[in-house]
């Protein structure tokens, strides 16, 4: 099962918020996920980004791939 770490949208219309999730690559964007790894809210000032560093590194160690957006968000924060 190919696993991706990507964003899952939720929230009201025109007020998006996102979860960072580990999900089967073949599932749709808002489908059922394996594990919730964090939250990203671009609508707050300042923008909030919270994630479980150990769990993200664990999934990457198991072979999970990050989407381009998640990779850019977490750049420099996983070291």
C-alpha atoms as a PDB file:
ATOM      1  CA  UNK A   1       0.000   0.000   0.000  1.00  0.00           C
ATOM      2  CA  UNK A   2       1.671   3.262  -1.112  1.00  0.00           C
ATOM      3  CA  UNK A   3       1.283   5.871   1.629  1.00  0.00           C
ATOM      4  CA  UNK A   4       1.390   9.646   1.115  1.00  0.00           C
ATOM      5  CA  UNK A   5       1.640  12.430   3.646  1.00  0.00           C
ATOM      6  CA  UNK A   6      -0.610  15.160   2.295  1.00  0.00           C
ATOM      7  CA  UNK A   7      -3.169  17.817   3.165  1.00  0.00           C
ATOM      8  CA  UNK A   8      -6.846  17.088   3.774  1.00  0.00           C
ATOM      9  CA  UNK A   9      -9.192  20.080   3.537  1.00  0.00           C
ATOM     10  CA  UNK A  10     -11.899  20.802   6.070  1.00  0.00           C
ATOM     11  CA  UNK A  11     -13.635  23.901   7.408  1.00  0.00           C
ATOM     12  CA  UNK A  12     -16.332  26.190   6.088  1.00  0.00           C
ATOM     13  CA  UNK A  13     -16.642  27.451   2.553  1.00  0.00           C
ATOM     14  CA  UNK A  14     -14.110  30.254   1.893  1.00  0.00           C
ATOM     15  CA  UNK A  15     -12.488  29.507   5.257  1.00  0.00           C
ATOM     16  CA  UNK A  16     -10.324  26.435   4.678  1.00  0.00           C
ATOM     17  CA  UNK A  17      -8.263  24.634   7.248  1.00  0.00           C
ATOM     18  CA  UNK A  18      -6.161  21.570   6.575  1.00  0.00           C
ATOM     19  CA  UNK A  19      -5.077  18.397   8.338  1.00  0.00           C
ATOM     20  CA  UNK A  20      -1.729  16.826   7.584  1.00  0.00           C
ATOM     21  CA  UNK A  21      -2.538  13.123   7.209  1.00  0.00           C
ATOM     22  CA  UNK A  22      -0.994   9.813   6.256  1.00  0.00           C
ATOM     23  CA  UNK A  23      -3.296   8.371   3.600  1.00  0.00           C
ATOM     24  CA  UNK A  24      -3.314   5.666   0.943  1.00  0.00           C
ATOM     25  CA  UNK A  25      -2.108   7.267  -2.289  1.00  0.00           C
ATOM     26  CA  UNK A  26      -5.105   5.934  -4.231  1.00  0.00           C
ATOM     27  CA  UNK A  27      -7.733   7.559  -1.973  1.00  0.00           C
ATOM     28  CA  UNK A  28      -9.373  10.862  -2.854  1.00  0.00           C
ATOM     29  CA  UNK A  29      -8.346  14.062  -1.066  1.00  0.00           C
ATOM     30  CA  UNK A  30     -10.988  13.937   1.656  1.00  0.00           C
ATOM     31  CA  UNK A  31     -11.229  10.153   1.941  1.00  0.00           C
ATOM     32  CA  UNK A  32     -10.573   8.106   5.059  1.00  0.00           C
ATOM     33  CA  UNK A  33      -7.022   8.452   6.318  1.00  0.00           C
ATOM     34  CA  UNK A  34      -4.662   6.233   8.320  1.00  0.00           C
ATOM     35  CA  UNK A  35      -3.376   8.786  10.835  1.00  0.00           C
ATOM     36  CA  UNK A  36      -3.773  12.487  11.586  1.00  0.00           C
ATOM     37  CA  UNK A  37      -0.276  14.020  11.845  1.00  0.00           C
ATOM     38  CA  UNK A  38      -1.050  17.701  12.372  1.00  0.00           C
ATOM     39  CA  UNK A  39      -2.948  20.843  11.384  1.00  0.00           C
ATOM     40  CA  UNK A  40      -2.347  23.799   9.072  1.00  0.00           C
ATOM     41  CA  UNK A  41      -4.512  26.927   9.166  1.00  0.00           C
ATOM     42  CA  UNK A  42      -3.615  29.557   6.547  1.00  0.00           C
ATOM     43  CA  UNK A  43      -6.563  31.813   7.463  1.00  0.00           C
ATOM     44  CA  UNK A  44      -5.323  32.796  10.932  1.00  0.00           C
ATOM     45  CA  UNK A  45      -2.913  35.646  11.473  1.00  0.00           C
ATOM     46  CA  UNK A  46      -0.179  34.485  11.932  1.00  0.00           C
ATOM     47  CA  UNK A  47      -0.532  31.258   9.962  1.00  0.00           C
ATOM     48  CA  UNK A  48      -0.505  28.231  12.284  1.00  0.00           C
ATOM     49  CA  UNK A  49       1.285  24.960  11.580  1.00  0.00           C
ATOM     50  CA  UNK A  50       1.290  22.196  14.183  1.00  0.00           C
ATOM     51  CA  UNK A  51       2.475  18.664  13.526  1.00  0.00           C
ATOM     52  CA  UNK A  52       3.802  15.574  15.296  1.00  0.00           C
ATOM     53  CA  UNK A  53       7.464  15.554  14.281  1.00  0.00           C
ATOM     54  CA  UNK A  54       8.175  12.013  15.554  1.00  0.00           C
ATOM     55  CA  UNK A  55       5.185  10.487  13.744  1.00  0.00           C
ATOM     56  CA  UNK A  56       6.025  12.252  10.454  1.00  0.00           C
ATOM     57  CA  UNK A  57       9.617  10.976  10.643  1.00  0.00           C
ATOM     58  CA  UNK A  58       8.324   7.495  11.485  1.00  0.00           C
ATOM     59  CA  UNK A  59       6.093   7.447   8.388  1.00  0.00           C
ATOM     60  CA  UNK A  60       8.934   8.713   6.193  1.00  0.00           C
ATOM     61  CA  UNK A  61      11.123   5.941   7.619  1.00  0.00           C
ATOM     62  CA  UNK A  62       8.449   3.421   6.613  1.00  0.00           C
ATOM     63  CA  UNK A  63       8.578   4.683   3.024  1.00  0.00           C
ATOM     64  CA  UNK A  64       5.781   7.251   2.907  1.00  0.00           C
ATOM     65  CA  UNK A  65       6.151  10.028   0.338  1.00  0.00           C
ATOM     66  CA  UNK A  66       5.291  13.666   1.060  1.00  0.00           C
ATOM     67  CA  UNK A  67       3.285  15.768  -1.354  1.00  0.00           C
ATOM     68  CA  UNK A  68       5.048  18.851  -2.735  1.00  0.00           C
ATOM     69  CA  UNK A  69       2.916  21.178  -0.600  1.00  0.00           C
ATOM     70  CA  UNK A  70       3.618  19.313   2.638  1.00  0.00           C
ATOM     71  CA  UNK A  71       7.320  19.138   1.775  1.00  0.00           C
ATOM     72  CA  UNK A  72       7.394  22.928   1.354  1.00  0.00           C
ATOM     73  CA  UNK A  73       5.482  23.494   4.611  1.00  0.00           C
ATOM     74  CA  UNK A  74       7.751  21.229   6.650  1.00  0.00           C
ATOM     75  CA  UNK A  75      11.001  22.274   4.972  1.00  0.00           C
ATOM     76  CA  UNK A  76      13.633  22.869   7.649  1.00  0.00           C
ATOM     77  CA  UNK A  77      11.345  21.803  10.527  1.00  0.00           C
ATOM     78  CA  UNK A  78      12.063  18.059  10.436  1.00  0.00           C
ATOM     79  CA  UNK A  79      15.753  18.265  11.285  1.00  0.00           C
END
